[in-house]
Protein backbone atom coordinates (compact mmCIF):
# COMPACT_ATOMS: atom_id res chain seq x y z
CA MET A 1 14.02 126.82 90.07
CA LEU A 2 15.15 123.15 89.07
CA TYR A 3 18.97 122.55 89.95
CA VAL A 4 20.32 119.69 88.13
CA ASP A 5 23.42 118.34 90.19
CA TYR A 6 24.76 114.78 90.50
CA THR A 7 21.69 113.83 92.92
CA LEU A 8 19.52 113.64 90.16
CA LEU A 9 21.82 111.03 88.29
CA ILE A 10 22.27 109.30 91.58
CA GLN A 11 18.27 108.98 92.13
CA ILE A 12 17.60 108.06 88.31
CA VAL A 13 20.07 105.27 89.03
CA GLN A 14 18.33 104.36 92.06
CA PHE A 15 15.01 104.38 90.18
CA LEU A 16 16.48 101.98 87.74
CA VAL A 17 17.99 99.85 89.91
CA ILE A 18 14.63 99.76 91.94
CA ILE A 19 12.46 98.99 88.91
CA PHE A 20 15.24 96.03 87.66
CA LEU A 21 14.92 94.73 90.89
CA GLY A 22 11.40 95.06 91.31
CA LYS A 23 10.66 93.31 88.07
CA LYS A 24 12.99 90.66 88.63
CA MET A 25 11.77 89.76 92.53
CA ILE A 26 8.18 90.64 91.94
CA LEU A 27 6.63 91.07 88.75
CA ASP A 28 8.35 88.01 87.16
CA PRO A 29 7.40 85.74 89.51
CA VAL A 30 3.81 86.81 89.96
CA LEU A 31 3.61 86.64 86.17
CA ALA A 32 5.06 83.01 86.12
CA THR A 33 2.66 82.12 88.86
CA ILE A 34 -0.17 83.81 86.82
CA GLU A 35 1.20 81.86 83.44
CA GLY A 36 1.51 78.61 85.32
CA ARG A 37 -2.13 78.85 86.87
CA ASP A 38 -3.46 79.43 83.51
CA SER A 39 -1.48 76.79 81.89
CA LYS A 40 -3.06 74.41 84.88
CA ILE A 41 -6.50 75.73 83.91
CA ASP A 42 -6.32 75.46 80.54
CA GLY A 43 -4.84 71.62 81.31
CA MET A 44 -7.99 71.12 83.34
CA LYS A 45 -10.12 72.27 80.71
CA ASP A 46 -8.73 69.89 78.06
CA GLU A 47 -8.99 66.93 80.73
CA ALA A 48 -12.85 68.42 81.29
CA GLU A 49 -13.03 68.12 77.73
CA GLN A 50 -11.93 64.61 77.10
CA LEU A 51 -13.79 63.49 80.19
CA LYS A 52 -16.82 65.01 78.60
CA GLU A 53 -16.54 63.55 75.25
CA LYS A 54 -15.61 60.14 77.55
CA VAL A 55 -18.84 60.37 79.30
CA GLU A 56 -20.80 61.07 75.84
CA GLN A 57 -19.26 58.24 74.47
CA TYR A 58 -20.21 56.24 77.46
CA ARG A 59 -23.60 57.44 77.51
CA ALA A 60 -24.02 56.44 73.66
CA ASP A 61 -22.90 53.04 74.09
CA TYR A 62 -24.94 52.30 76.91
CA ALA A 63 -28.29 53.72 75.33
CA GLU A 64 -27.12 51.14 72.30
CA LYS A 65 -26.69 48.01 74.49
CA MET A 66 -29.62 48.94 76.28
CA THR A 67 -31.64 49.19 73.05
CA GLU A 68 -29.98 45.48 72.18
CA MET A 69 -30.80 44.30 75.13
CA ARG A 70 -34.50 45.39 74.89
CA VAL A 71 -34.29 44.11 71.40
CA GLU A 72 -32.83 40.67 72.66
CA LEU A 73 -35.19 40.63 75.55
CA ALA A 74 -38.07 41.30 73.27
CA GLU A 75 -37.03 38.61 71.46
CA HIS A 76 -36.85 36.18 74.05
CA HIS A 77 -40.21 36.89 75.61
CA LYS A 78 -41.62 36.38 71.96
CA LYS A 79 -40.07 32.87 72.10
CA ILE A 80 -41.10 31.94 75.38
CA LYS A 81 -44.48 33.25 74.64
CA ASP A 82 -44.25 31.20 71.29
CA ASP A 83 -42.89 27.96 73.16
CA ALA A 84 -45.65 28.49 75.50
CA SER A 85 -48.77 28.73 72.74
CA LYS A 86 -47.20 25.50 71.04
CA GLU A 87 -47.16 23.83 74.03
CA ALA A 88 -50.55 24.71 75.15
CA ALA A 89 -51.95 23.94 71.77
CA ALA A 90 -50.27 20.52 71.91
CA LYS A 91 -51.85 20.09 75.36
CA VAL A 92 -55.31 21.29 73.85
CA GLN A 93 -54.78 18.96 71.15
CA ALA A 94 -53.78 15.73 73.28
CA VAL A 95 -57.12 16.52 75.45
CA LYS A 96 -59.18 16.95 72.65
CA VAL A 97 -58.22 13.63 71.29
CA GLU A 98 -58.42 11.83 74.69
CA ILE A 99 -61.98 13.63 74.98
CA ASP A 100 -62.88 12.55 71.60
CA GLY A 101 -61.78 9.14 72.36
CA LYS A 102 -63.84 9.20 75.11
CA VAL A 103 -66.78 10.31 73.95
CA ALA A 104 -66.50 7.71 71.08
CA ALA A 105 -65.93 5.14 73.79
CA ALA A 106 -69.12 6.22 75.40
CA ARG A 107 -71.66 6.43 72.31
CA ALA A 108 -70.29 2.80 71.55
CA GLU A 109 -71.73 2.07 75.02
CA ILE A 110 -74.52 3.85 74.51
CA THR A 111 -75.10 2.01 71.38
CA VAL A 112 -74.45 -1.43 72.91
CA GLN A 113 -76.44 -0.64 75.93
CA SER A 114 -79.17 0.66 73.62
CA ALA A 115 -79.03 -2.20 71.62
CA LYS A 116 -79.17 -4.53 74.66
CA ALA A 117 -81.88 -2.82 76.16
CA LYS A 118 -83.92 -3.23 72.65
CA ASP A 119 -83.26 -6.91 72.98
CA GLU A 120 -84.40 -7.10 76.75
CA MET A 121 -87.33 -5.08 75.67
CA ASN A 122 -88.04 -7.48 72.80
CA ALA A 123 -87.58 -10.38 74.78
CA MET A 124 -89.95 -8.89 77.53
CA VAL A 125 -92.76 -7.57 74.80
CA ALA A 126 -92.71 -11.12 73.55
CA GLU A 127 -93.03 -12.64 76.77
CA ILE A 128 -95.72 -10.02 77.94
CA SER A 129 -97.24 -10.62 74.79
CA ASP A 130 -97.20 -14.74 75.31
CA MET A 131 -98.78 -14.07 78.64
CA ILE A 132 -101.59 -11.86 77.17
CA VAL A 133 -102.60 -14.31 74.51
CA ASP A 134 -102.23 -17.17 77.34
CA ARG A 135 -104.51 -15.38 79.26
CA ILE A 136 -106.95 -14.42 76.33
CA MET A 137 -106.77 -17.99 75.63
CA LEU A 138 -107.33 -19.22 78.99
CA SER A 139 -110.38 -17.12 79.66
CA ALA A 140 -112.10 -17.55 76.31
């Protein structure tokens, strides 16, 4: 049989006091620590998301700047190539003009030398023909 007396009431009061003290001394601090950690974790997750977005923004900026630099570099190379081509064409043209001048001078010199040689040959032919005529006349 179960006897209900004042000790049961004391035990119930003790149990309630232990529950109250346990909640205040153990459960509430543990829950506060867990909530604090959860809030820190959430804050760190938010910060990580923000950093991830910054990294993506920096990556996009980097890609854009690299594209711009590649375009600028290609334009610079094209400009250098065009300048070099123009300079080479100018040098080729100058050399061509110089060679044409030298060829014209050489042709003129050849013409002069040819005329001079013809004159000398004509003089020699005339002299030789005079000699032949003189010999034929002397032998006749």
